[in-house]
Amino acid sequence: MSKRTSMFNNVRTEGAILPAELLQRLVSGDTTLEGLKPTDYHLSPSERLNEAATRAWNRMTGIWKTY
């Protein structure tokens, strides 16, 4: 069994779609990454991305159940 050297114990990356380097940049708060601001998603600057994502998920889950 190999020893894991990654700081992500619960995430296993395969290929280049979601490389470990990108995850490390996200965790470190790299401000040069695009697409991490509320305005990038047409939200108000004070709105939190995780709250908007949760609202969208809950809405779509309800629509799926109705379907």
PDB file of N, CA and C in Angstrom:
ATOM      1  N   MET A   1       0.847  -1.166   0.000  1.00  0.00           N
ATOM      2  CA  MET A   1       0.000   0.000   0.000  1.00  0.00           C
ATOM      3  C   MET A   1       0.899   1.236   0.000  1.00  0.00           C
ATOM      4  N   SER A   2       0.610   2.196  -0.863  1.00  0.00           N
ATOM      5  CA  SER A   2       1.454   3.385  -0.946  1.00  0.00           C
ATOM      6  C   SER A   2       0.989   4.447   0.038  1.00  0.00           C
ATOM      7  N   LYS A   3       1.957   5.233   0.495  1.00  0.00           N
ATOM      8  CA  LYS A   3       1.657   6.318   1.417  1.00  0.00           C
ATOM      9  C   LYS A   3       1.201   7.528   0.603  1.00  0.00           C
ATOM     10  N   ARG A   4       0.102   8.161   1.011  1.00  0.00           N
ATOM     11  CA  ARG A   4      -0.415   9.325   0.313  1.00  0.00           C
ATOM     12  C   ARG A   4       0.337  10.565   0.769  1.00  0.00           C
ATOM     13  N   THR A   5       0.740  11.374  -0.190  1.00  0.00           N
ATOM     14  CA  THR A   5       1.433  12.608   0.133  1.00  0.00           C
ATOM     15  C   THR A   5       0.558  13.818  -0.138  1.00  0.00           C
ATOM     16  N   SER A   6      -0.628  13.598  -0.620  1.00  0.00           N
ATOM     17  CA  SER A   6      -1.535  14.685  -0.942  1.00  0.00           C
ATOM     18  C   SER A   6      -2.172  15.237   0.324  1.00  0.00           C
ATOM     19  N   MET A   7      -2.467  16.547   0.307  1.00  0.00           N
ATOM     20  CA  MET A   7      -3.144  17.152   1.441  1.00  0.00           C
ATOM     21  C   MET A   7      -4.642  16.870   1.413  1.00  0.00           C
ATOM     22  N   PHE A   8      -5.114  16.243   0.337  1.00  0.00           N
ATOM     23  CA  PHE A   8      -6.531  15.939   0.179  1.00  0.00           C
ATOM     24  C   PHE A   8      -6.753  14.454   0.431  1.00  0.00           C
ATOM     25  N   ASN A   9      -7.174  14.110   1.613  1.00  0.00           N
ATOM     26  CA  ASN A   9      -7.361  12.710   1.971  1.00  0.00           C
ATOM     27  C   ASN A   9      -8.604  12.092   1.341  1.00  0.00           C
ATOM     28  N   ASN A  10      -9.603  12.910   1.057  1.00  0.00           N
ATOM     29  CA  ASN A  10     -10.872  12.377   0.563  1.00  0.00           C
ATOM     30  C   ASN A  10     -11.111  12.648  -0.915  1.00  0.00           C
ATOM     31  N   VAL A  11     -10.118  13.204  -1.600  1.00  0.00           N
ATOM     32  CA  VAL A  11     -10.269  13.513  -3.018  1.00  0.00           C
ATOM     33  C   VAL A  11      -9.173  12.791  -3.789  1.00  0.00           C
ATOM     34  N   ARG A  12      -9.589  12.045  -4.780  1.00  0.00           N
ATOM     35  CA  ARG A  12      -8.629  11.347  -5.631  1.00  0.00           C
ATOM     36  C   ARG A  12      -8.792  11.905  -7.040  1.00  0.00           C
ATOM     37  N   THR A  13      -7.742  12.500  -7.554  1.00  0.00           N
ATOM     38  CA  THR A  13      -7.819  13.096  -8.880  1.00  0.00           C
ATOM     39  C   THR A  13      -7.275  12.121  -9.916  1.00  0.00           C
ATOM     40  N   GLU A  14      -7.907  12.108 -11.064  1.00  0.00           N
ATOM     41  CA  GLU A  14      -7.492  11.264 -12.187  1.00  0.00           C
ATOM     42  C   GLU A  14      -7.407  12.155 -13.417  1.00  0.00           C
ATOM     43  N   GLY A  15      -6.334  12.068 -14.146  1.00  0.00           N
ATOM     44  CA  GLY A  15      -6.208  12.837 -15.369  1.00  0.00           C
ATOM     45  C   GLY A  15      -6.019  14.316 -15.098  1.00  0.00           C
ATOM     46  N   ALA A  16      -6.422  15.125 -16.073  1.00  0.00           N
ATOM     47  CA  ALA A  16      -6.151  16.556 -15.986  1.00  0.00           C
ATOM     48  C   ALA A  16      -7.417  17.402 -15.875  1.00  0.00           C
ATOM     49  N   ILE A  17      -8.584  16.807 -15.701  1.00  0.00           N
ATOM     50  CA  ILE A  17      -9.808  17.601 -15.614  1.00  0.00           C
ATOM     51  C   ILE A  17      -9.829  18.420 -14.327  1.00  0.00           C
ATOM     52  N   LEU A  18      -9.442  17.830 -13.227  1.00  0.00           N
ATOM     53  CA  LEU A  18      -9.397  18.511 -11.939  1.00  0.00           C
ATOM     54  C   LEU A  18      -8.064  18.172 -11.266  1.00  0.00           C
ATOM     55  N   PRO A  19      -6.977  18.803 -11.729  1.00  0.00           N
ATOM     56  CA  PRO A  19      -5.660  18.456 -11.198  1.00  0.00           C
ATOM     57  C   PRO A  19      -5.480  18.892  -9.743  1.00  0.00           C
ATOM     58  N   ALA A  20      -4.629  18.180  -9.036  1.00  0.00           N
ATOM     59  CA  ALA A  20      -4.357  18.477  -7.635  1.00  0.00           C
ATOM     60  C   ALA A  20      -3.833  19.897  -7.467  1.00  0.00           C
ATOM     61  N   GLU A  21      -3.086  20.395  -8.444  1.00  0.00           N
ATOM     62  CA  GLU A  21      -2.560  21.765  -8.370  1.00  0.00           C
ATOM     63  C   GLU A  21      -3.704  22.777  -8.282  1.00  0.00           C
ATOM     64  N   LEU A  22      -4.767  22.571  -9.046  1.00  0.00           N
ATOM     65  CA  LEU A  22      -5.914  23.476  -9.007  1.00  0.00           C
ATOM     66  C   LEU A  22      -6.583  23.428  -7.636  1.00  0.00           C
ATOM     67  N   LEU A  23      -6.747  22.247  -7.079  1.00  0.00           N
ATOM     68  CA  LEU A  23      -7.338  22.123  -5.748  1.00  0.00           C
ATOM     69  C   LEU A  23      -6.499  22.855  -4.708  1.00  0.00           C
ATOM     70  N   GLN A  24      -5.186  22.742  -4.816  1.00  0.00           N
ATOM     71  CA  GLN A  24      -4.303  23.431  -3.879  1.00  0.00           C
ATOM     72  C   GLN A  24      -4.433  24.947  -4.014  1.00  0.00           C
ATOM     73  N   ARG A  25      -4.571  25.436  -5.246  1.00  0.00           N
ATOM     74  CA  ARG A  25      -4.756  26.878  -5.457  1.00  0.00           C
ATOM     75  C   ARG A  25      -6.079  27.351  -4.863  1.00  0.00           C
ATOM     76  N   LEU A  26      -7.120  26.545  -4.979  1.00  0.00           N
ATOM     77  CA  LEU A  26      -8.414  26.901  -4.392  1.00  0.00           C
ATOM     78  C   LEU A  26      -8.323  26.986  -2.877  1.00  0.00           C
ATOM     79  N   VAL A  27      -7.701  25.989  -2.268  1.00  0.00           N
ATOM     80  CA  VAL A  27      -7.584  25.946  -0.817  1.00  0.00           C
ATOM     81  C   VAL A  27      -6.737  27.104  -0.295  1.00  0.00           C
ATOM     82  N   SER A  28      -5.700  27.461  -1.034  1.00  0.00           N
ATOM     83  CA  SER A  28      -4.823  28.538  -0.585  1.00  0.00           C
ATOM     84  C   SER A  28      -5.420  29.919  -0.815  1.00  0.00           C
ATOM     85  N   GLY A  29      -6.560  29.993  -1.532  1.00  0.00           N
ATOM     86  CA  GLY A  29      -7.215  31.278  -1.758  1.00  0.00           C
ATOM     87  C   GLY A  29      -6.568  32.094  -2.854  1.00  0.00           C
ATOM     88  N   ASP A  30      -6.046  31.442  -3.861  1.00  0.00           N
ATOM     89  CA  ASP A  30      -5.388  32.115  -4.988  1.00  0.00           C
ATOM     90  C   ASP A  30      -6.370  33.070  -5.665  1.00  0.00           C
ATOM     91  N   THR A  31      -6.079  34.363  -5.606  1.00  0.00           N
ATOM     92  CA  THR A  31      -6.980  35.373  -6.175  1.00  0.00           C
ATOM     93  C   THR A  31      -6.828  35.525  -7.679  1.00  0.00           C
ATOM     94  N   THR A  32      -5.874  34.824  -8.285  1.00  0.00           N
ATOM     95  CA  THR A  32      -5.711  34.925  -9.736  1.00  0.00           C
ATOM     96  C   THR A  32      -6.618  33.950 -10.483  1.00  0.00           C
ATOM     97  N   LEU A  33      -7.267  33.044  -9.762  1.00  0.00           N
ATOM     98  CA  LEU A  33      -8.199  32.121 -10.404  1.00  0.00           C
ATOM     99  C   LEU A  33      -9.470  32.856 -10.791  1.00  0.00           C
ATOM    100  N   GLU A  34      -9.928  32.621 -11.995  1.00  0.00           N
ATOM    101  CA  GLU A  34     -11.165  33.249 -12.460  1.00  0.00           C
ATOM    102  C   GLU A  34     -12.362  32.379 -12.105  1.00  0.00           C
ATOM    103  N   GLY A  35     -13.529  33.005 -12.023  1.00  0.00           N
ATOM    104  CA  GLY A  35     -14.756  32.273 -11.780  1.00  0.00           C
ATOM    105  C   GLY A  35     -15.053  32.007 -10.326  1.00  0.00           C
ATOM    106  N   LEU A  36     -14.420  32.746  -9.422  1.00  0.00           N
ATOM    107  CA  LEU A  36     -14.635  32.513  -7.998  1.00  0.00           C
ATOM    108  C   LEU A  36     -15.350  33.665  -7.308  1.00  0.00           C
ATOM    109  N   LYS A  37     -15.740  34.680  -8.058  1.00  0.00           N
ATOM    110  CA  LYS A  37     -16.414  35.835  -7.471  1.00  0.00           C
ATOM    111  C   LYS A  37     -17.913  35.758  -7.773  1.00  0.00           C
ATOM    112  N   PRO A  38     -18.734  36.253  -6.869  1.00  0.00           N
ATOM    113  CA  PRO A  38     -20.181  36.240  -7.116  1.00  0.00           C
ATOM    114  C   PRO A  38     -20.559  36.938  -8.422  1.00  0.00           C
ATOM    115  N   THR A  39     -19.869  38.013  -8.768  1.00  0.00           N
ATOM    116  CA  THR A  39     -20.195  38.743  -9.997  1.00  0.00           C
ATOM    117  C   THR A  39     -19.922  37.910 -11.244  1.00  0.00           C
ATOM    118  N   ASP A  40     -19.055  36.916 -11.160  1.00  0.00           N
ATOM    119  CA  ASP A  40     -18.793  36.023 -12.294  1.00  0.00           C
ATOM    120  C   ASP A  40     -20.034  35.191 -12.636  1.00  0.00           C
ATOM    121  N   TYR A  41     -20.956  35.091 -11.688  1.00  0.00           N
ATOM    122  CA  TYR A  41     -22.180  34.307 -11.875  1.00  0.00           C
ATOM    123  C   TYR A  41     -23.421  35.198 -11.860  1.00  0.00           C
ATOM    124  N   HIS A  42     -23.218  36.476 -12.113  1.00  0.00           N
ATOM    125  CA  HIS A  42     -24.309  37.459 -12.171  1.00  0.00           C
ATOM    126  C   HIS A  42     -25.066  37.553 -10.851  1.00  0.00           C
ATOM    127  N   LEU A  43     -24.342  37.426  -9.749  1.00  0.00           N
ATOM    128  CA  LEU A  43     -24.911  37.584  -8.420  1.00  0.00           C
ATOM    129  C   LEU A  43     -24.473  38.933  -7.872  1.00  0.00           C
ATOM    130  N   SER A  44     -25.124  39.388  -6.813  1.00  0.00           N
ATOM    131  CA  SER A  44     -24.685  40.624  -6.183  1.00  0.00           C
ATOM    132  C   SER A  44     -23.344  40.360  -5.491  1.00  0.00           C
ATOM    133  N   PRO A  45     -22.495  41.381  -5.397  1.00  0.00           N
ATOM    134  CA  PRO A  45     -21.172  41.177  -4.793  1.00  0.00           C
ATOM    135  C   PRO A  45     -21.206  40.657  -3.357  1.00  0.00           C
ATOM    136  N   SER A  46     -22.296  40.931  -2.640  1.00  0.00           N
ATOM    137  CA  SER A  46     -22.373  40.485  -1.243  1.00  0.00           C
ATOM    138  C   SER A  46     -22.934  39.067  -1.101  1.00  0.00           C
ATOM    139  N   GLU A  47     -23.423  38.493  -2.196  1.00  0.00           N
ATOM    140  CA  GLU A  47     -24.008  37.153  -2.138  1.00  0.00           C
ATOM    141  C   GLU A  47     -22.909  36.089  -2.125  1.00  0.00           C
ATOM    142  N   ARG A  48     -23.093  35.057  -1.333  1.00  0.00           N
ATOM    143  CA  ARG A  48     -22.099  33.998  -1.227  1.00  0.00           C
ATOM    144  C   ARG A  48     -22.370  32.919  -2.264  1.00  0.00           C
ATOM    145  N   LEU A  49     -21.301  32.462  -2.909  1.00  0.00           N
ATOM    146  CA  LEU A  49     -21.439  31.453  -3.956  1.00  0.00           C
ATOM    147  C   LEU A  49     -22.029  30.153  -3.434  1.00  0.00           C
ATOM    148  N   ASN A  50     -21.590  29.719  -2.260  1.00  0.00           N
ATOM    149  CA  ASN A  50     -22.096  28.449  -1.741  1.00  0.00           C
ATOM    150  C   ASN A  50     -23.585  28.525  -1.433  1.00  0.00           C
ATOM    151  N   GLU A  51     -24.077  29.693  -1.015  1.00  0.00           N
ATOM    152  CA  GLU A  51     -25.506  29.843  -0.761  1.00  0.00           C
ATOM    153  C   GLU A  51     -26.299  29.805  -2.064  1.00  0.00           C
ATOM    154  N   ALA A  52     -25.778  30.455  -3.101  1.00  0.00           N
ATOM    155  CA  ALA A  52     -26.441  30.438  -4.406  1.00  0.00           C
ATOM    156  C   ALA A  52     -26.451  29.021  -4.980  1.00  0.00           C
ATOM    157  N   ALA A  53     -25.358  28.304  -4.809  1.00  0.00           N
ATOM    158  CA  ALA A  53     -25.287  26.924  -5.300  1.00  0.00           C
ATOM    159  C   ALA A  53     -26.270  26.035  -4.554  1.00  0.00           C
ATOM    160  N   THR A  54     -26.393  26.225  -3.256  1.00  0.00           N
ATOM    161  CA  THR A  54     -27.342  25.446  -2.457  1.00  0.00           C
ATOM    162  C   THR A  54     -28.773  25.717  -2.885  1.00  0.00           C
ATOM    163  N   ARG A  55     -29.095  26.998  -3.117  1.00  0.00           N
ATOM    164  CA  ARG A  55     -30.446  27.345  -3.588  1.00  0.00           C
ATOM    165  C   ARG A  55     -30.743  26.685  -4.928  1.00  0.00           C
ATOM    166  N   ALA A  56     -29.776  26.746  -5.844  1.00  0.00           N
ATOM    167  CA  ALA A  56     -29.965  26.140  -7.170  1.00  0.00           C
ATOM    168  C   ALA A  56     -30.128  24.632  -7.045  1.00  0.00           C
ATOM    169  N   TRP A  57     -29.316  23.997  -6.208  1.00  0.00           N
ATOM    170  CA  TRP A  57     -29.401  22.548  -6.020  1.00  0.00           C
ATOM    171  C   TRP A  57     -30.769  22.153  -5.462  1.00  0.00           C
ATOM    172  N   ASN A  58     -31.219  22.874  -4.442  1.00  0.00           N
ATOM    173  CA  ASN A  58     -32.512  22.566  -3.838  1.00  0.00           C
ATOM    174  C   ASN A  58     -33.645  22.766  -4.834  1.00  0.00           C
ATOM    175  N   ARG A  59     -33.566  23.806  -5.616  1.00  0.00           N
ATOM    176  CA  ARG A  59     -34.596  24.059  -6.627  1.00  0.00           C
ATOM    177  C   ARG A  59     -34.633  22.922  -7.650  1.00  0.00           C
ATOM    178  N   MET A  60     -33.473  22.548  -8.157  1.00  0.00           N
ATOM    179  CA  MET A  60     -33.421  21.503  -9.178  1.00  0.00           C
ATOM    180  C   MET A  60     -33.795  20.130  -8.612  1.00  0.00           C
ATOM    181  N   THR A  61     -33.461  19.881  -7.355  1.00  0.00           N
ATOM    182  CA  THR A  61     -33.865  18.630  -6.713  1.00  0.00           C
ATOM    183  C   THR A  61     -35.384  18.548  -6.633  1.00  0.00           C
ATOM    184  N   GLY A  62     -36.023  19.657  -6.271  1.00  0.00           N
ATOM    185  CA  GLY A  62     -37.480  19.692  -6.225  1.00  0.00           C
ATOM    186  C   GLY A  62     -38.100  19.495  -7.587  1.00  0.00           C
ATOM    187  N   ILE A  63     -37.520  20.116  -8.603  1.00  0.00           N
ATOM    188  CA  ILE A  63     -38.025  19.945  -9.972  1.00  0.00           C
ATOM    189  C   ILE A  63     -37.877  18.501 -10.417  1.00  0.00           C
ATOM    190  N   TRP A  64     -36.742  17.887 -10.092  1.00  0.00           N
ATOM    191  CA  TRP A  64     -36.515  16.492 -10.475  1.00  0.00           C
ATOM    192  C   TRP A  64     -37.525  15.564  -9.813  1.00  0.00           C
ATOM    193  N   LYS A  65     -37.812  15.810  -8.527  1.00  0.00           N
ATOM    194  CA  LYS A  65     -38.788  14.971  -7.824  1.00  0.00           C
ATOM    195  C   LYS A  65     -40.165  15.104  -8.454  1.00  0.00           C
ATOM    196  N   THR A  66     -40.517  16.327  -8.862  1.00  0.00           N
ATOM    197  CA  THR A  66     -41.808  16.553  -9.496  1.00  0.00           C
ATOM    198  C   THR A  66     -41.866  15.842 -10.838  1.00  0.00           C
ATOM    199  N   TYR A  67     -40.758  15.855 -11.550  1.00  0.00           N
ATOM    200  CA  TYR A  67     -40.689  15.193 -12.860  1.00  0.00           C
ATOM    201  C   TYR A  67     -40.907  13.708 -12.712  1.00  0.00           C
TER     202      TYR A  67
END
